[in-house]
Amino acid sequence: MASKIKQIDAIWLPVTDMDRAVAFYRDTLGLEVLEHDGDWSEVTAGDQRIGLNSSESPSGDGGAVIAFGVDGDIESAVEALQADGVTFVDGLSEHPWGKIAPFKDSEGNDLQLYQPPA
């Protein structure tokens, strides 16, 4: 069976202080900041994007989410994975940074399919 996943496209990390987090990734690690605001920021190292989500609680509950880029449109990828028994949680949602479809792996870890905005 051909892979339905194109690549690891982004990683989402919860942060409690967006300005401090962006400064760390930019100034300490030398990553490029693609977007920065109070609720959402995105930094990049080459092709790897790291999304920073504003969070009221420390990152201990939930942690990072790995987002997989899809080959083609996200709706088709969701349908194909559902046919193979993958259960998606919270449905498909659209955001300024793209479309996401959250699901869990066999161990219950949070994963997402991700399609960047057109």
C-alpha atoms as a PDB file:
ATOM      1  CA  MET A   1       0.000   0.000   0.000  1.00  0.00           C
ATOM      2  CA  ALA A   2       1.322   3.462  -0.883  1.00  0.00           C
ATOM      3  CA  SER A   3       1.983   5.935   1.898  1.00  0.00           C
ATOM      4  CA  LYS A   4      -0.742   8.499   2.528  1.00  0.00           C
ATOM      5  CA  ILE A   5       1.665  10.712   4.480  1.00  0.00           C
ATOM      6  CA  LYS A   6       3.957  13.043   2.568  1.00  0.00           C
ATOM      7  CA  GLN A   7       6.267  14.230   5.368  1.00  0.00           C
ATOM      8  CA  ILE A   8       6.393  15.519   8.899  1.00  0.00           C
ATOM      9  CA  ASP A   9       5.256  19.008   8.043  1.00  0.00           C
ATOM     10  CA  ALA A  10       5.026  20.792  11.373  1.00  0.00           C
ATOM     11  CA  ILE A  11       5.207  20.308  15.106  1.00  0.00           C
ATOM     12  CA  TRP A  12       2.872  22.225  17.409  1.00  0.00           C
ATOM     13  CA  LEU A  13       4.106  23.097  20.877  1.00  0.00           C
ATOM     14  CA  PRO A  14       2.030  24.630  23.675  1.00  0.00           C
ATOM     15  CA  VAL A  15       3.632  27.697  25.283  1.00  0.00           C
ATOM     16  CA  THR A  16       2.554  29.893  28.188  1.00  0.00           C
ATOM     17  CA  ASP A  17       4.569  33.007  27.241  1.00  0.00           C
ATOM     18  CA  MET A  18       4.534  33.558  23.473  1.00  0.00           C
ATOM     19  CA  ASP A  19       7.039  36.445  23.433  1.00  0.00           C
ATOM     20  CA  ARG A  20       9.549  34.529  25.553  1.00  0.00           C
ATOM     21  CA  ALA A  21       9.111  31.377  23.431  1.00  0.00           C
ATOM     22  CA  VAL A  22       9.584  33.243  20.135  1.00  0.00           C
ATOM     23  CA  ALA A  23      12.652  35.012  21.516  1.00  0.00           C
ATOM     24  CA  PHE A  24      14.148  31.653  22.519  1.00  0.00           C
ATOM     25  CA  TYR A  25      13.639  30.069  19.095  1.00  0.00           C
ATOM     26  CA  ARG A  26      14.753  33.221  17.253  1.00  0.00           C
ATOM     27  CA  ASP A  27      17.569  34.553  19.430  1.00  0.00           C
ATOM     28  CA  THR A  28      18.883  31.440  21.156  1.00  0.00           C
ATOM     29  CA  LEU A  29      18.391  28.810  18.443  1.00  0.00           C
ATOM     30  CA  GLY A  30      18.650  31.153  15.449  1.00  0.00           C
ATOM     31  CA  LEU A  31      15.444  29.967  13.780  1.00  0.00           C
ATOM     32  CA  GLU A  32      13.498  32.169  11.380  1.00  0.00           C
ATOM     33  CA  VAL A  33      10.197  33.567  12.682  1.00  0.00           C
ATOM     34  CA  LEU A  34       7.526  33.290   9.987  1.00  0.00           C
ATOM     35  CA  GLU A  35       4.657  34.625  12.083  1.00  0.00           C
ATOM     36  CA  HIS A  36       4.313  36.014  15.604  1.00  0.00           C
ATOM     37  CA  ASP A  37       1.221  37.049  17.524  1.00  0.00           C
ATOM     38  CA  GLY A  38      -0.286  36.477  20.945  1.00  0.00           C
ATOM     39  CA  ASP A  39      -2.020  33.150  20.249  1.00  0.00           C
ATOM     40  CA  TRP A  40      -0.026  31.625  17.411  1.00  0.00           C
ATOM     41  CA  SER A  41       3.521  31.900  16.148  1.00  0.00           C
ATOM     42  CA  GLU A  42       5.516  29.878  13.668  1.00  0.00           C
ATOM     43  CA  VAL A  43       9.277  29.397  13.421  1.00  0.00           C
ATOM     44  CA  THR A  44      11.203  27.366  10.875  1.00  0.00           C
ATOM     45  CA  ALA A  45      14.456  25.510  10.486  1.00  0.00           C
ATOM     46  CA  GLY A  46      14.743  24.657   6.803  1.00  0.00           C
ATOM     47  CA  ASP A  47      11.634  22.744   5.782  1.00  0.00           C
ATOM     48  CA  GLN A  48      10.645  21.909   9.380  1.00  0.00           C
ATOM     49  CA  ARG A  49       8.018  24.253  10.828  1.00  0.00           C
ATOM     50  CA  ILE A  50       7.339  24.567  14.537  1.00  0.00           C
ATOM     51  CA  GLY A  51       4.029  26.119  15.502  1.00  0.00           C
ATOM     52  CA  LEU A  52       3.758  27.693  18.942  1.00  0.00           C
ATOM     53  CA  ASN A  53       0.254  27.648  20.446  1.00  0.00           C
ATOM     54  CA  SER A  54      -0.700  29.880  23.344  1.00  0.00           C
ATOM     55  CA  SER A  55      -1.650  27.750  26.334  1.00  0.00           C
ATOM     56  CA  GLU A  56      -2.937  28.583  29.797  1.00  0.00           C
ATOM     57  CA  SER A  57      -1.236  25.547  31.315  1.00  0.00           C
ATOM     58  CA  PRO A  58       2.350  24.300  31.204  1.00  0.00           C
ATOM     59  CA  SER A  59       3.205  21.907  28.392  1.00  0.00           C
ATOM     60  CA  GLY A  60       3.022  18.908  30.742  1.00  0.00           C
ATOM     61  CA  ASP A  61      -0.559  18.086  29.747  1.00  0.00           C
ATOM     62  CA  GLY A  62      -0.651  17.172  26.114  1.00  0.00           C
ATOM     63  CA  GLY A  63       2.799  18.186  24.952  1.00  0.00           C
ATOM     64  CA  ALA A  64       3.777  18.489  21.324  1.00  0.00           C
ATOM     65  CA  VAL A  65       1.682  17.445  18.364  1.00  0.00           C
ATOM     66  CA  ILE A  66       3.314  16.148  15.195  1.00  0.00           C
ATOM     67  CA  ALA A  67       1.522  17.269  12.043  1.00  0.00           C
ATOM     68  CA  PHE A  68       1.952  15.173   8.908  1.00  0.00           C
ATOM     69  CA  GLY A  69       1.731  16.838   5.506  1.00  0.00           C
ATOM     70  CA  VAL A  70      -0.631  15.051   3.147  1.00  0.00           C
ATOM     71  CA  ASP A  71      -0.043  14.024  -0.444  1.00  0.00           C
ATOM     72  CA  GLY A  72      -2.961  15.715  -2.227  1.00  0.00           C
ATOM     73  CA  ASP A  73      -5.947  17.175  -0.447  1.00  0.00           C
ATOM     74  CA  ILE A  74      -6.530  16.556   3.229  1.00  0.00           C
ATOM     75  CA  GLU A  75     -10.112  15.344   2.758  1.00  0.00           C
ATOM     76  CA  SER A  76      -8.943  12.433   0.566  1.00  0.00           C
ATOM     77  CA  ALA A  77      -6.162  11.573   3.007  1.00  0.00           C
ATOM     78  CA  VAL A  78      -8.655  11.497   5.902  1.00  0.00           C
ATOM     79  CA  GLU A  79     -11.002   9.212   3.928  1.00  0.00           C
ATOM     80  CA  ALA A  80      -8.147   6.855   2.985  1.00  0.00           C
ATOM     81  CA  LEU A  81      -6.887   6.597   6.561  1.00  0.00           C
ATOM     82  CA  GLN A  82     -10.420   6.097   7.908  1.00  0.00           C
ATOM     83  CA  ALA A  83     -10.811   3.204   5.443  1.00  0.00           C
ATOM     84  CA  ASP A  84      -7.729   1.682   7.110  1.00  0.00           C
ATOM     85  CA  GLY A  85      -9.285   2.009  10.579  1.00  0.00           C
ATOM     86  CA  VAL A  86      -7.839   5.325  11.777  1.00  0.00           C
ATOM     87  CA  THR A  87     -10.270   7.265  13.957  1.00  0.00           C
ATOM     88  CA  PHE A  88     -10.102  11.042  13.737  1.00  0.00           C
ATOM     89  CA  VAL A  89     -11.050  13.208  16.714  1.00  0.00           C
ATOM     90  CA  ASP A  90     -12.687  16.633  16.531  1.00  0.00           C
ATOM     91  CA  GLY A  91     -13.147  16.430  12.735  1.00  0.00           C
ATOM     92  CA  LEU A  92     -11.456  18.578  10.118  1.00  0.00           C
ATOM     93  CA  SER A  93     -10.911  22.247  10.934  1.00  0.00           C
ATOM     94  CA  GLU A  94      -9.602  25.203   8.954  1.00  0.00           C
ATOM     95  CA  HIS A  95      -7.329  27.886  10.402  1.00  0.00           C
ATOM     96  CA  PRO A  96      -5.296  30.796   9.010  1.00  0.00           C
ATOM     97  CA  TRP A  97      -2.254  28.502   9.029  1.00  0.00           C
ATOM     98  CA  GLY A  98      -4.025  25.656   7.176  1.00  0.00           C
ATOM     99  CA  LYS A  99      -6.375  22.700   7.606  1.00  0.00           C
ATOM    100  CA  ILE A 100      -5.892  20.116  10.332  1.00  0.00           C
ATOM    101  CA  ALA A 101      -7.451  16.751  11.098  1.00  0.00           C
ATOM    102  CA  PRO A 102      -6.435  15.414  14.540  1.00  0.00           C
ATOM    103  CA  PHE A 103      -6.131  11.691  15.255  1.00  0.00           C
ATOM    104  CA  LYS A 104      -4.274   9.402  17.652  1.00  0.00           C
ATOM    105  CA  ASP A 105      -1.702   6.714  17.020  1.00  0.00           C
ATOM    106  CA  SER A 106      -2.036   3.189  18.424  1.00  0.00           C
ATOM    107  CA  GLU A 107      -0.541   4.381  21.743  1.00  0.00           C
ATOM    108  CA  GLY A 108      -2.934   7.326  22.113  1.00  0.00           C
ATOM    109  CA  ASN A 109      -0.414  10.032  21.149  1.00  0.00           C
ATOM    110  CA  ASP A 110      -1.807  13.149  19.479  1.00  0.00           C
ATOM    111  CA  LEU A 111      -1.121  13.436  15.747  1.00  0.00           C
ATOM    112  CA  GLN A 112      -2.564  15.603  12.990  1.00  0.00           C
ATOM    113  CA  LEU A 113      -2.832  15.648   9.266  1.00  0.00           C
ATOM    114  CA  TYR A 114      -1.934  19.102   8.003  1.00  0.00           C
ATOM    115  CA  GLN A 115      -2.509  20.919   4.744  1.00  0.00           C
ATOM    116  CA  PRO A 116      -0.990  24.417   4.427  1.00  0.00           C
ATOM    117  CA  PRO A 117      -3.189  27.241   3.136  1.00  0.00           C
ATOM    118  CA  ALA A 118      -3.527  27.472  -0.643  1.00  0.00           C
END
